[in-house]
N, C-alpha and C. Protein backbone atom coordinates (compact mmCIF):
# COMPACT_ATOMS: atom_id res chain seq x y z
N MET A 1 46.48 30.81 92.41
CA MET A 1 47.70 29.96 92.66
C MET A 1 47.70 28.82 91.61
N GLY A 2 48.85 28.54 91.07
CA GLY A 2 48.94 27.53 90.05
C GLY A 2 48.76 26.06 90.55
N ASP A 3 48.65 25.18 89.65
CA ASP A 3 48.53 23.74 89.95
C ASP A 3 49.89 23.22 90.36
N THR A 4 50.07 22.82 91.60
CA THR A 4 51.42 22.47 92.09
C THR A 4 51.93 21.16 91.45
N GLN A 5 51.01 20.35 90.87
CA GLN A 5 51.49 19.13 90.23
C GLN A 5 51.89 19.34 88.79
N THR A 6 51.18 20.25 88.09
CA THR A 6 51.49 20.43 86.65
C THR A 6 52.19 21.74 86.38
N GLY A 7 52.12 22.68 87.37
CA GLY A 7 52.71 24.00 87.11
C GLY A 7 51.81 24.79 86.16
N THR A 8 50.63 24.38 85.89
CA THR A 8 49.76 25.06 84.95
C THR A 8 48.67 25.76 85.70
N THR A 9 48.42 27.03 85.48
CA THR A 9 47.37 27.77 86.14
C THR A 9 46.02 27.37 85.53
N PRO A 10 44.88 27.53 86.29
CA PRO A 10 43.59 27.28 85.72
C PRO A 10 43.34 28.10 84.40
N ARG A 11 43.81 29.37 84.43
CA ARG A 11 43.65 30.21 83.23
C ARG A 11 44.47 29.61 82.06
N GLY A 12 45.64 29.11 82.37
CA GLY A 12 46.46 28.52 81.29
C GLY A 12 45.82 27.24 80.70
N ARG A 13 45.20 26.47 81.60
CA ARG A 13 44.50 25.25 81.13
C ARG A 13 43.30 25.59 80.24
N GLN A 14 42.64 26.68 80.64
CA GLN A 14 41.46 27.07 79.84
C GLN A 14 41.91 27.60 78.47
N ARG A 15 43.01 28.34 78.42
CA ARG A 15 43.53 28.77 77.14
C ARG A 15 43.87 27.57 76.23
N GLU A 16 44.51 26.60 76.88
CA GLU A 16 44.89 25.41 76.09
C GLU A 16 43.64 24.64 75.58
N ALA A 17 42.61 24.56 76.44
CA ALA A 17 41.36 23.93 76.03
C ALA A 17 40.71 24.66 74.89
N ASP A 18 40.72 26.06 74.98
CA ASP A 18 40.15 26.82 73.85
C ASP A 18 40.95 26.64 72.56
N ARG A 19 42.27 26.51 72.64
CA ARG A 19 43.06 26.26 71.45
C ARG A 19 42.74 24.92 70.86
N ASN A 20 42.61 23.90 71.74
CA ASN A 20 42.26 22.55 71.28
C ASN A 20 40.89 22.60 70.59
N ASP A 21 39.97 23.31 71.22
CA ASP A 21 38.57 23.37 70.68
C ASP A 21 38.64 23.94 69.25
N ALA A 22 39.38 25.08 69.14
CA ALA A 22 39.46 25.69 67.77
C ALA A 22 40.08 24.77 66.79
N ARG A 23 41.11 24.03 67.17
CA ARG A 23 41.70 23.07 66.25
C ARG A 23 40.74 21.94 65.84
N LEU A 24 39.99 21.51 66.86
CA LEU A 24 39.00 20.47 66.55
C LEU A 24 37.89 20.96 65.60
N MET A 25 37.42 22.18 65.79
CA MET A 25 36.38 22.69 64.91
C MET A 25 36.89 22.81 63.53
N ARG A 26 38.13 23.26 63.29
CA ARG A 26 38.70 23.38 61.98
C ARG A 26 38.94 22.04 61.35
N ALA A 27 39.49 21.10 62.10
CA ALA A 27 39.72 19.76 61.59
C ALA A 27 38.40 19.03 61.21
N ALA A 28 37.45 19.22 62.07
CA ALA A 28 36.14 18.54 61.78
C ALA A 28 35.54 19.07 60.48
N ARG A 29 35.63 20.35 60.25
CA ARG A 29 35.13 20.91 58.98
C ARG A 29 35.84 20.28 57.83
N GLU A 30 37.16 20.25 57.90
CA GLU A 30 37.93 19.70 56.80
C GLU A 30 37.58 18.20 56.56
N VAL A 31 37.54 17.46 57.69
CA VAL A 31 37.33 16.00 57.48
C VAL A 31 35.90 15.71 56.97
N PHE A 32 34.92 16.38 57.55
CA PHE A 32 33.53 16.16 57.09
C PHE A 32 33.43 16.52 55.59
N ALA A 33 34.06 17.67 55.24
CA ALA A 33 33.98 18.12 53.76
C ALA A 33 34.61 17.07 52.89
N GLU A 34 35.74 16.48 53.34
CA GLU A 34 36.43 15.54 52.46
C GLU A 34 35.85 14.14 52.44
N ARG A 35 35.36 13.69 53.59
CA ARG A 35 34.98 12.25 53.74
C ARG A 35 33.53 12.10 54.13
N GLY A 36 32.77 13.15 54.33
CA GLY A 36 31.37 13.01 54.65
C GLY A 36 31.16 12.74 56.13
N TRP A 37 29.90 12.60 56.51
CA TRP A 37 29.48 12.45 57.85
C TRP A 37 30.06 11.15 58.47
N ASP A 38 30.27 10.20 57.65
CA ASP A 38 30.71 8.89 58.19
C ASP A 38 32.20 8.86 58.39
N ALA A 39 32.88 9.94 58.25
CA ALA A 39 34.34 10.01 58.54
C ALA A 39 34.61 9.67 59.98
N PRO A 40 35.65 8.90 60.28
CA PRO A 40 35.95 8.53 61.71
C PRO A 40 36.40 9.65 62.51
N VAL A 41 35.96 9.64 63.74
CA VAL A 41 36.42 10.69 64.67
C VAL A 41 37.93 10.63 64.88
N SER A 42 38.53 9.47 64.75
CA SER A 42 39.95 9.40 64.88
C SER A 42 40.72 10.24 63.89
N GLU A 43 40.14 10.40 62.71
CA GLU A 43 40.75 11.24 61.69
C GLU A 43 40.65 12.72 62.12
N ILE A 44 39.56 13.07 62.70
CA ILE A 44 39.45 14.45 63.19
C ILE A 44 40.46 14.77 64.29
N ALA A 45 40.66 13.81 65.21
CA ALA A 45 41.64 13.99 66.28
C ALA A 45 43.01 14.06 65.66
N ARG A 46 43.31 13.15 64.72
CA ARG A 46 44.66 13.15 64.09
C ARG A 46 44.95 14.51 63.40
N ARG A 47 43.95 14.95 62.69
CA ARG A 47 44.14 16.22 61.91
C ARG A 47 44.28 17.44 62.85
N ALA A 48 43.63 17.32 63.99
CA ALA A 48 43.72 18.43 64.96
C ALA A 48 44.96 18.39 65.84
N GLY A 49 45.68 17.18 65.77
CA GLY A 49 46.84 17.02 66.62
C GLY A 49 46.46 16.81 68.08
N ILE A 50 45.32 16.20 68.31
CA ILE A 50 44.81 15.99 69.68
C ILE A 50 44.56 14.50 69.84
N GLY A 51 44.85 14.01 71.09
CA GLY A 51 44.64 12.62 71.35
C GLY A 51 43.20 12.28 71.50
N MET A 52 42.89 11.08 71.21
CA MET A 52 41.46 10.59 71.32
C MET A 52 40.87 10.76 72.69
N GLY A 53 41.75 10.54 73.74
CA GLY A 53 41.24 10.74 75.04
C GLY A 53 40.79 12.14 75.30
N SER A 54 41.61 13.15 74.88
CA SER A 54 41.25 14.53 75.00
C SER A 54 40.00 14.90 74.28
N LEU A 55 39.89 14.33 73.05
CA LEU A 55 38.70 14.61 72.24
C LEU A 55 37.46 14.06 73.00
N TYR A 56 37.50 12.84 73.41
CA TYR A 56 36.30 12.26 74.04
C TYR A 56 35.97 12.81 75.40
N ARG A 57 36.95 13.37 76.11
CA ARG A 57 36.66 14.09 77.33
C ARG A 57 35.86 15.37 77.05
N ARG A 58 36.13 15.97 75.94
CA ARG A 58 35.42 17.22 75.60
C ARG A 58 34.07 16.94 74.81
N TYR A 59 34.18 16.00 73.90
CA TYR A 59 32.98 15.60 73.11
C TYR A 59 32.89 14.09 73.04
N PRO A 60 32.10 13.49 73.87
CA PRO A 60 31.94 12.04 73.95
C PRO A 60 31.43 11.35 72.72
N SER A 61 30.90 12.15 71.73
CA SER A 61 30.35 11.57 70.51
C SER A 61 30.57 12.57 69.36
N LYS A 62 30.50 12.04 68.16
CA LYS A 62 30.59 12.85 66.97
C LYS A 62 29.46 13.82 66.93
N GLU A 63 28.29 13.42 67.31
CA GLU A 63 27.07 14.25 67.30
C GLU A 63 27.28 15.48 68.19
N LEU A 64 27.85 15.27 69.41
CA LEU A 64 28.09 16.43 70.32
C LEU A 64 29.10 17.39 69.72
N LEU A 65 30.11 16.83 69.06
CA LEU A 65 31.15 17.74 68.39
C LEU A 65 30.44 18.52 67.34
N ALA A 66 29.59 17.90 66.52
CA ALA A 66 28.91 18.63 65.44
C ALA A 66 27.92 19.69 66.00
N GLN A 67 27.29 19.35 67.10
CA GLN A 67 26.38 20.36 67.69
C GLN A 67 27.19 21.59 68.10
N ARG A 68 28.35 21.35 68.70
CA ARG A 68 29.19 22.48 69.12
C ARG A 68 29.65 23.30 67.86
N MET A 69 29.89 22.60 66.75
CA MET A 69 30.29 23.33 65.53
C MET A 69 29.15 24.27 65.15
N ARG A 70 27.93 23.82 65.25
CA ARG A 70 26.77 24.64 64.86
C ARG A 70 26.69 25.88 65.74
N ILE A 71 26.86 25.70 67.02
CA ILE A 71 26.71 26.83 67.98
C ILE A 71 27.85 27.85 67.73
N VAL A 72 29.05 27.32 67.56
CA VAL A 72 30.17 28.21 67.33
C VAL A 72 30.00 29.02 66.03
N ALA A 73 29.52 28.38 64.98
CA ALA A 73 29.28 29.06 63.72
C ALA A 73 28.23 30.17 63.83
N MET A 74 27.17 29.88 64.54
CA MET A 74 26.10 30.91 64.69
C MET A 74 26.57 32.04 65.60
N ASP A 75 27.29 31.71 66.65
CA ASP A 75 27.77 32.79 67.53
C ASP A 75 28.77 33.64 66.84
N GLN A 76 29.61 33.09 66.00
CA GLN A 76 30.55 33.85 65.24
C GLN A 76 29.81 34.87 64.37
N LEU A 77 28.77 34.51 63.67
CA LEU A 77 27.97 35.37 62.87
C LEU A 77 27.35 36.52 63.76
N VAL A 78 26.86 36.11 64.92
CA VAL A 78 26.29 37.16 65.82
C VAL A 78 27.31 38.21 66.10
N THR A 79 28.52 37.75 66.50
CA THR A 79 29.61 38.76 66.83
C THR A 79 29.88 39.60 65.62
N GLN A 80 29.91 39.06 64.47
CA GLN A 80 30.23 39.85 63.25
C GLN A 80 29.09 40.87 63.03
N VAL A 81 27.80 40.53 63.21
CA VAL A 81 26.72 41.48 63.04
C VAL A 81 26.88 42.60 64.05
N ARG A 82 27.14 42.25 65.31
CA ARG A 82 27.23 43.34 66.34
C ARG A 82 28.37 44.21 66.10
N THR A 83 29.49 43.65 65.67
CA THR A 83 30.63 44.53 65.30
C THR A 83 30.31 45.48 64.17
N ALA A 84 29.65 44.97 63.14
CA ALA A 84 29.34 45.77 61.98
C ALA A 84 28.36 46.93 62.39
N LEU A 85 27.37 46.60 63.23
CA LEU A 85 26.40 47.61 63.63
C LEU A 85 27.06 48.64 64.52
N ALA A 86 28.03 48.20 65.38
CA ALA A 86 28.67 49.16 66.26
C ALA A 86 29.62 50.08 65.53
N GLU A 87 30.29 49.55 64.51
CA GLU A 87 31.37 50.31 63.85
C GLU A 87 30.90 51.05 62.60
N GLU A 88 29.74 50.69 62.02
CA GLU A 88 29.26 51.31 60.85
C GLU A 88 27.92 51.97 61.07
N PRO A 89 27.85 53.31 61.25
CA PRO A 89 26.59 53.96 61.54
C PRO A 89 25.61 53.90 60.36
N ASP A 90 26.11 53.85 59.08
CA ASP A 90 25.27 53.83 57.96
C ASP A 90 24.68 52.40 57.81
N PRO A 91 23.33 52.26 57.66
CA PRO A 91 22.72 50.92 57.55
C PRO A 91 23.24 50.10 56.45
N TRP A 92 23.46 50.66 55.20
CA TRP A 92 23.92 49.87 54.11
C TRP A 92 25.38 49.49 54.39
N ALA A 93 26.22 50.38 54.92
CA ALA A 93 27.61 50.05 55.19
C ALA A 93 27.69 48.91 56.18
N ALA A 94 26.79 48.94 57.23
CA ALA A 94 26.78 47.87 58.25
C ALA A 94 26.43 46.53 57.58
N PHE A 95 25.36 46.58 56.73
CA PHE A 95 24.92 45.38 56.04
C PHE A 95 26.01 44.74 55.22
N ALA A 96 26.67 45.59 54.38
CA ALA A 96 27.69 45.10 53.49
C ALA A 96 28.96 44.69 54.29
N ARG A 97 29.29 45.39 55.37
CA ARG A 97 30.34 45.08 56.22
C ARG A 97 30.18 43.70 56.81
N PHE A 98 29.01 43.37 57.33
CA PHE A 98 28.78 42.07 57.92
C PHE A 98 29.01 40.97 56.85
N LEU A 99 28.39 41.14 55.71
CA LEU A 99 28.55 40.07 54.71
C LEU A 99 30.01 39.86 54.28
N GLY A 100 30.71 41.04 54.16
CA GLY A 100 32.16 40.92 53.85
C GLY A 100 32.98 40.23 54.93
N ASP A 101 32.67 40.58 56.16
CA ASP A 101 33.39 39.92 57.26
C ASP A 101 33.11 38.42 57.34
N ALA A 102 31.79 38.08 57.11
CA ALA A 102 31.42 36.68 57.21
C ALA A 102 32.15 35.86 56.12
N LEU A 103 32.31 36.44 54.94
CA LEU A 103 33.00 35.73 53.87
C LEU A 103 34.51 35.75 54.01
N SER A 104 35.05 36.72 54.72
CA SER A 104 36.52 36.80 54.86
C SER A 104 37.06 35.80 55.87
N VAL A 105 36.19 35.44 56.80
CA VAL A 105 36.62 34.42 57.80
C VAL A 105 36.23 33.05 57.21
N GLN A 106 37.07 32.47 56.43
CA GLN A 106 36.71 31.27 55.76
C GLN A 106 37.07 29.99 56.51
N ASP A 107 36.14 29.06 56.58
CA ASP A 107 36.36 27.82 57.18
C ASP A 107 36.80 26.84 56.08
N PRO A 108 37.75 25.98 56.31
CA PRO A 108 38.34 25.19 55.27
C PRO A 108 37.33 24.16 54.69
N GLY A 109 36.33 23.78 55.39
CA GLY A 109 35.37 22.83 54.83
C GLY A 109 34.21 23.42 54.11
N GLY A 110 34.10 24.77 54.04
CA GLY A 110 33.04 25.40 53.45
C GLY A 110 31.80 25.40 54.40
N PRO A 111 30.60 25.70 53.88
CA PRO A 111 29.43 25.84 54.71
C PRO A 111 29.06 24.55 55.40
N LEU A 112 28.44 24.72 56.55
CA LEU A 112 28.06 23.50 57.35
C LEU A 112 26.83 22.85 56.87
N LEU A 113 25.90 23.57 56.27
CA LEU A 113 24.58 22.99 55.98
C LEU A 113 24.68 21.72 55.11
N PRO A 114 25.45 21.66 54.05
CA PRO A 114 25.56 20.47 53.27
C PRO A 114 26.18 19.30 54.02
N LEU A 115 27.04 19.61 55.08
CA LEU A 115 27.72 18.59 55.79
C LEU A 115 26.90 17.90 56.87
N ILE A 116 26.15 18.71 57.61
CA ILE A 116 25.48 18.11 58.76
C ILE A 116 23.99 18.53 58.86
N GLY A 117 23.51 19.30 57.85
CA GLY A 117 22.09 19.71 57.93
C GLY A 117 21.15 18.50 57.92
N GLY A 118 20.14 18.57 58.83
CA GLY A 118 19.17 17.55 58.90
C GLY A 118 19.57 16.27 59.63
N ARG A 119 20.74 16.22 60.20
CA ARG A 119 21.20 15.04 60.91
C ARG A 119 21.05 15.10 62.37
N LEU A 120 20.95 16.28 62.96
CA LEU A 120 21.00 16.41 64.40
C LEU A 120 19.74 17.13 64.95
N PRO A 121 19.37 16.73 66.15
CA PRO A 121 18.18 17.37 66.79
C PRO A 121 18.50 18.80 67.25
N ALA A 122 17.47 19.57 67.45
CA ALA A 122 17.62 20.94 67.92
C ALA A 122 17.68 20.88 69.43
N THR A 123 18.84 20.91 70.06
CA THR A 123 18.92 20.96 71.52
C THR A 123 18.60 22.34 72.01
N ASP A 124 18.44 22.44 73.33
CA ASP A 124 18.16 23.77 73.92
C ASP A 124 19.31 24.79 73.56
N ASP A 125 20.53 24.31 73.63
CA ASP A 125 21.68 25.16 73.37
C ASP A 125 21.64 25.68 71.90
N VAL A 126 21.41 24.74 70.99
CA VAL A 126 21.34 25.06 69.57
C VAL A 126 20.17 26.02 69.27
N ALA A 127 19.00 25.73 69.89
CA ALA A 127 17.85 26.65 69.72
C ALA A 127 18.19 28.09 70.24
N ALA A 128 18.85 28.09 71.36
CA ALA A 128 19.23 29.39 71.93
C ALA A 128 20.18 30.17 70.98
N ALA A 129 21.16 29.47 70.42
CA ALA A 129 22.08 30.08 69.48
C ALA A 129 21.37 30.57 68.25
N ALA A 130 20.37 29.78 67.76
CA ALA A 130 19.60 30.20 66.57
C ALA A 130 18.77 31.40 66.92
N GLY A 131 18.25 31.51 68.11
CA GLY A 131 17.51 32.70 68.50
C GLY A 131 18.40 33.89 68.51
N ARG A 132 19.64 33.76 69.05
CA ARG A 132 20.55 34.89 69.10
C ARG A 132 20.87 35.38 67.64
N LEU A 133 21.08 34.37 66.75
CA LEU A 133 21.33 34.74 65.40
C LEU A 133 20.21 35.45 64.73
N ARG A 134 18.99 34.93 64.91
CA ARG A 134 17.83 35.63 64.32
C ARG A 134 17.71 37.03 64.80
N THR A 135 17.82 37.24 66.09
CA THR A 135 17.71 38.57 66.63
C THR A 135 18.75 39.50 66.05
N ALA A 136 20.01 39.06 65.95
CA ALA A 136 21.06 39.87 65.39
C ALA A 136 20.81 40.21 63.92
N LEU A 137 20.33 39.24 63.15
CA LEU A 137 20.13 39.50 61.74
C LEU A 137 18.87 40.43 61.57
N ASP A 138 17.85 40.23 62.45
CA ASP A 138 16.71 41.25 62.41
C ASP A 138 17.26 42.63 62.69
N ASP A 139 18.18 42.76 63.65
CA ASP A 139 18.68 44.08 63.97
C ASP A 139 19.57 44.68 62.83
N LEU A 140 20.10 43.79 61.98
CA LEU A 140 20.91 44.23 60.82
C LEU A 140 20.02 44.67 59.66
N VAL A 141 18.98 43.87 59.41
CA VAL A 141 18.13 44.13 58.23
C VAL A 141 17.11 45.28 58.47
N ALA A 142 16.60 45.39 59.66
CA ALA A 142 15.53 46.37 59.91
C ALA A 142 15.98 47.80 59.58
N PRO A 143 17.12 48.30 60.06
CA PRO A 143 17.51 49.69 59.70
C PRO A 143 17.77 49.86 58.23
N ALA A 144 18.25 48.82 57.56
CA ALA A 144 18.52 48.92 56.11
C ALA A 144 17.17 49.10 55.38
N HIS A 145 16.18 48.40 55.89
CA HIS A 145 14.82 48.54 55.29
C HIS A 145 14.32 49.95 55.60
N ARG A 146 14.43 50.37 56.85
CA ARG A 146 13.90 51.69 57.17
C ARG A 146 14.55 52.80 56.37
N ALA A 147 15.83 52.65 56.12
CA ALA A 147 16.56 53.66 55.32
C ALA A 147 16.31 53.59 53.85
N GLY A 148 15.56 52.55 53.46
CA GLY A 148 15.26 52.43 52.00
C GLY A 148 16.41 52.01 51.13
N VAL A 149 17.41 51.29 51.67
CA VAL A 149 18.55 50.94 50.94
C VAL A 149 18.65 49.46 50.65
N LEU A 150 17.79 48.69 51.36
CA LEU A 150 17.71 47.23 51.09
C LEU A 150 16.35 46.86 50.55
N ARG A 151 16.31 46.11 49.48
CA ARG A 151 15.01 45.81 48.87
C ARG A 151 14.17 45.10 49.94
N THR A 152 12.81 45.46 49.94
CA THR A 152 11.97 45.03 50.98
C THR A 152 11.60 43.56 50.99
N ASP A 153 11.82 42.93 49.80
CA ASP A 153 11.52 41.52 49.73
C ASP A 153 12.68 40.62 50.16
N VAL A 154 13.71 41.18 50.73
CA VAL A 154 14.83 40.46 51.36
C VAL A 154 14.64 40.49 52.81
N THR A 155 14.61 39.37 53.47
CA THR A 155 14.38 39.28 54.91
C THR A 155 15.62 38.76 55.69
N SER A 156 15.55 38.82 56.97
CA SER A 156 16.67 38.33 57.76
C SER A 156 16.92 36.85 57.50
N ALA A 157 15.83 36.10 57.26
CA ALA A 157 16.00 34.68 57.04
C ALA A 157 16.68 34.35 55.71
N ASP A 158 16.71 35.36 54.78
CA ASP A 158 17.49 35.16 53.54
C ASP A 158 18.95 35.11 53.82
N ILE A 159 19.44 35.74 54.82
CA ILE A 159 20.87 35.96 55.00
C ILE A 159 21.65 34.64 55.30
N PRO A 160 21.19 33.73 56.13
CA PRO A 160 21.88 32.52 56.29
C PRO A 160 22.07 31.68 55.07
N LEU A 161 21.02 31.60 54.24
CA LEU A 161 21.07 30.85 52.99
C LEU A 161 21.95 31.57 51.96
N LEU A 162 21.86 32.87 51.94
CA LEU A 162 22.75 33.68 51.07
C LEU A 162 24.21 33.37 51.32
N LEU A 163 24.55 33.33 52.67
CA LEU A 163 25.96 33.01 53.00
C LEU A 163 26.31 31.58 52.61
N GLU A 164 25.28 30.63 52.73
CA GLU A 164 25.61 29.26 52.28
C GLU A 164 26.00 29.24 50.79
N HIS A 165 25.25 30.05 49.96
CA HIS A 165 25.58 30.06 48.56
C HIS A 165 26.90 30.72 48.31
N LEU A 166 27.15 31.80 48.98
CA LEU A 166 28.35 32.62 48.74
C LEU A 166 29.63 31.96 49.28
N THR A 167 29.48 30.96 50.18
CA THR A 167 30.70 30.31 50.70
C THR A 167 30.88 28.94 50.18
N ALA A 168 30.35 28.64 49.00
CA ALA A 168 30.57 27.34 48.40
C ALA A 168 32.07 26.97 48.37
N ARG A 169 32.35 25.75 48.69
CA ARG A 169 33.78 25.34 48.76
C ARG A 169 34.39 25.38 47.35
N ILE A 170 35.52 26.04 47.20
CA ILE A 170 36.24 26.22 45.96
C ILE A 170 37.60 25.54 46.16
N PRO A 171 38.01 24.60 45.31
CA PRO A 171 39.32 23.93 45.52
C PRO A 171 40.44 24.80 45.07
N LEU A 172 40.59 25.87 45.83
CA LEU A 172 41.72 26.88 45.54
C LEU A 172 42.33 27.22 46.87
N PRO A 173 43.59 27.76 46.85
CA PRO A 173 44.15 28.24 48.15
C PRO A 173 43.21 29.22 48.81
N GLY A 174 43.34 29.28 50.17
CA GLY A 174 42.36 30.04 50.93
C GLY A 174 42.19 31.50 50.51
N GLU A 175 43.28 32.21 50.27
CA GLU A 175 43.22 33.65 49.94
C GLU A 175 42.53 33.81 48.60
N ARG A 176 42.79 32.98 47.60
CA ARG A 176 42.16 33.08 46.31
C ARG A 176 40.72 32.76 46.41
N ALA A 177 40.32 31.75 47.17
CA ALA A 177 38.93 31.39 47.31
C ALA A 177 38.14 32.52 47.98
N THR A 178 38.77 33.16 48.99
CA THR A 178 38.14 34.29 49.69
C THR A 178 37.89 35.48 48.64
N ALA A 179 39.00 35.75 47.86
CA ALA A 179 38.87 36.87 46.89
C ALA A 179 37.69 36.60 45.96
N LEU A 180 37.52 35.37 45.48
CA LEU A 180 36.38 35.06 44.58
C LEU A 180 35.08 35.16 45.30
N HIS A 181 35.00 34.76 46.52
CA HIS A 181 33.74 34.86 47.29
C HIS A 181 33.41 36.34 47.40
N LEU A 182 34.40 37.21 47.72
CA LEU A 182 34.14 38.62 47.87
C LEU A 182 33.74 39.28 46.55
N ARG A 183 34.33 38.78 45.45
CA ARG A 183 33.95 39.26 44.06
C ARG A 183 32.48 39.04 43.90
N TYR A 184 31.99 37.86 44.13
CA TYR A 184 30.59 37.53 43.89
C TYR A 184 29.67 38.21 44.92
N LEU A 185 30.20 38.53 46.08
CA LEU A 185 29.40 39.32 47.01
C LEU A 185 29.14 40.65 46.44
N ASP A 186 30.07 41.32 45.76
CA ASP A 186 29.81 42.60 45.16
C ASP A 186 28.70 42.52 44.13
N VAL A 187 28.71 41.47 43.34
CA VAL A 187 27.60 41.27 42.40
C VAL A 187 26.30 41.14 43.07
N VAL A 188 26.27 40.37 44.20
CA VAL A 188 24.99 40.15 44.96
C VAL A 188 24.54 41.48 45.58
N LEU A 189 25.46 42.18 46.19
CA LEU A 189 25.11 43.45 46.80
C LEU A 189 24.44 44.43 45.86
N ALA A 190 24.91 44.43 44.57
CA ALA A 190 24.32 45.37 43.64
C ALA A 190 22.86 44.91 43.44
N GLY A 191 22.59 43.71 43.48
CA GLY A 191 21.18 43.25 43.29
C GLY A 191 20.27 43.45 44.55
N LEU A 192 20.91 43.63 45.69
CA LEU A 192 20.16 43.80 46.96
C LEU A 192 19.80 45.27 47.23
N ARG A 193 20.57 46.18 46.64
CA ARG A 193 20.28 47.59 46.89
C ARG A 193 19.03 48.03 46.17
N THR A 194 18.33 49.01 46.70
CA THR A 194 17.15 49.50 46.14
C THR A 194 17.39 50.69 45.22
N PRO A 195 16.45 51.13 44.39
CA PRO A 195 16.64 52.33 43.57
C PRO A 195 16.95 53.50 44.32
N ALA A 196 16.41 53.61 45.64
CA ALA A 196 16.70 54.75 46.44
C ALA A 196 18.19 54.87 46.72
N ALA A 197 18.88 53.71 46.80
CA ALA A 197 20.30 53.71 47.09
C ALA A 197 21.11 53.97 45.80
N THR A 198 20.51 53.61 44.64
CA THR A 198 21.18 53.80 43.33
C THR A 198 20.20 54.46 42.43
N PRO A 199 20.04 55.79 42.47
CA PRO A 199 18.98 56.51 41.80
C PRO A 199 18.90 56.24 40.35
N ALA A 200 19.98 55.98 39.68
CA ALA A 200 20.02 55.82 38.20
C ALA A 200 19.47 54.48 37.84
N ALA A 201 19.35 53.51 38.78
CA ALA A 201 18.98 52.17 38.44
C ALA A 201 17.45 52.04 38.25
N ALA A 202 17.08 51.08 37.37
CA ALA A 202 15.65 50.82 37.20
C ALA A 202 15.13 50.05 38.43
N ALA A 203 13.86 50.13 38.68
CA ALA A 203 13.27 49.43 39.82
C ALA A 203 13.47 47.98 39.65
N PRO A 204 13.89 47.28 40.74
CA PRO A 204 14.18 45.86 40.62
C PRO A 204 12.91 45.05 40.40
N THR A 205 13.00 43.99 39.61
CA THR A 205 11.83 43.08 39.50
C THR A 205 11.71 42.30 40.77
N ALA A 206 10.49 41.82 41.08
CA ALA A 206 10.25 41.11 42.29
C ALA A 206 11.03 39.76 42.21
N LEU A 207 11.53 39.37 43.40
CA LEU A 207 12.21 38.08 43.51
C LEU A 207 11.21 36.97 43.35
N PRO A 208 11.60 35.87 42.55
CA PRO A 208 10.64 34.77 42.38
C PRO A 208 10.41 33.97 43.68
N GLY A 209 9.22 33.60 43.94
CA GLY A 209 8.92 32.84 45.10
C GLY A 209 8.93 33.53 46.41
N PRO A 210 8.34 33.01 47.45
CA PRO A 210 8.39 33.69 48.75
C PRO A 210 9.74 33.60 49.41
N ALA A 211 10.05 34.55 50.29
CA ALA A 211 11.25 34.47 51.02
C ALA A 211 11.26 33.27 51.99
N PRO A 212 12.42 32.72 52.36
CA PRO A 212 12.43 31.62 53.37
C PRO A 212 11.94 32.21 54.68
N HIS A 213 11.51 31.36 55.51
CA HIS A 213 11.15 31.79 56.88
C HIS A 213 11.99 30.97 57.90
N TRP A 214 12.05 31.43 59.12
CA TRP A 214 12.92 30.82 60.11
C TRP A 214 12.53 29.41 60.41
N ASP A 215 11.22 29.07 60.40
CA ASP A 215 10.86 27.69 60.62
C ASP A 215 11.37 26.77 59.50
N GLU A 216 11.42 27.32 58.32
CA GLU A 216 11.97 26.49 57.16
C GLU A 216 13.46 26.30 57.35
N LEU A 217 14.16 27.29 57.84
CA LEU A 217 15.59 27.14 58.11
C LEU A 217 15.76 26.08 59.17
N ARG A 218 14.99 26.18 60.21
CA ARG A 218 15.08 25.16 61.31
C ARG A 218 14.92 23.76 60.80
N ASP A 219 13.97 23.58 59.83
CA ASP A 219 13.67 22.25 59.30
C ASP A 219 14.86 21.80 58.37
N LEU A 220 15.57 22.76 57.72
CA LEU A 220 16.73 22.37 56.97
C LEU A 220 17.84 21.86 57.80
N TRP A 221 18.07 22.47 58.96
CA TRP A 221 19.14 22.08 59.77
C TRP A 221 18.92 20.95 60.66
N ASN A 222 17.74 20.78 61.19
CA ASN A 222 17.53 19.84 62.26
C ASN A 222 16.93 18.53 61.78
N ALA A 223 17.24 17.47 62.46
CA ALA A 223 16.66 16.17 62.16
C ALA A 223 15.11 16.21 62.28
N PRO A 224 14.44 15.48 61.43
CA PRO A 224 12.96 15.50 61.57
C PRO A 224 12.54 15.13 62.99
N GLY A 225 11.52 15.90 63.45
CA GLY A 225 11.07 15.68 64.78
C GLY A 225 11.93 16.19 65.87
N GLY A 226 13.08 16.88 65.48
CA GLY A 226 13.99 17.37 66.48
C GLY A 226 13.61 18.71 67.02
C-alpha cells in the first residue's frame, strides 16, 4: 500500500533514493577531480541537484560518501567480471571482455585512487568489497593462466592498477576519451598475451620488478594504520 501522505510507494522511494545516490557518486567524482579532496560537500550536492539535507541524511560526512564511492566502484568491477565469465566461455575472450567493459563505463572524474587513495580507513564494508573484488579477479585470471593465453607473471593484483593507468582522465568529450582508452587497451592486450596465444610472436621478456600484491594495494588505498 502506498504512503497516504505523499502518495509515494516504498518501492518508488527506494528508486528515487537509488537515483539520488547515482547522481551523488557521479557529482562527487567530478568535483573531487576538479577541486581535490578539500572541495566543499555543498558543491557536490549542487552538482548532483540534491539538497544538503538529503545528502547529509544519506551521508553525514564527506568521508562516508567517499567510502561508498569505493564500495560502488569495486562492486561494479565484480559485476563486470561475473558477466564476462558467464557470457564468454573462452578464457582470453572473458579477460579482454572484462577490461573492455571496465573502460567503456567511464566515470567523469577518472580513477579514484589519485583522488582519495590513502585518505580513508579500511572499514569492514570496504574490506568485504575488496575481498569480493579479489575473488572475482582471481576467477578471471586463473582460467586464462591455465589455458596458456595470459602471461604467467601477470597476477590478479595487476588488474586494478592496470585499470588505473588505462582510465587516466583525458580532457576530451566522453565518447572520444573512451575510444582512446580502448585503443590503448588493445596495445596492452597484445603485450599480455602469451606466445601460445600468438604462435608467431617471440617469447615475451620478463616484466621488470615483482608483481604487486593485494596487501600493497590495500596500503595504497587505505589510510596508514587503517
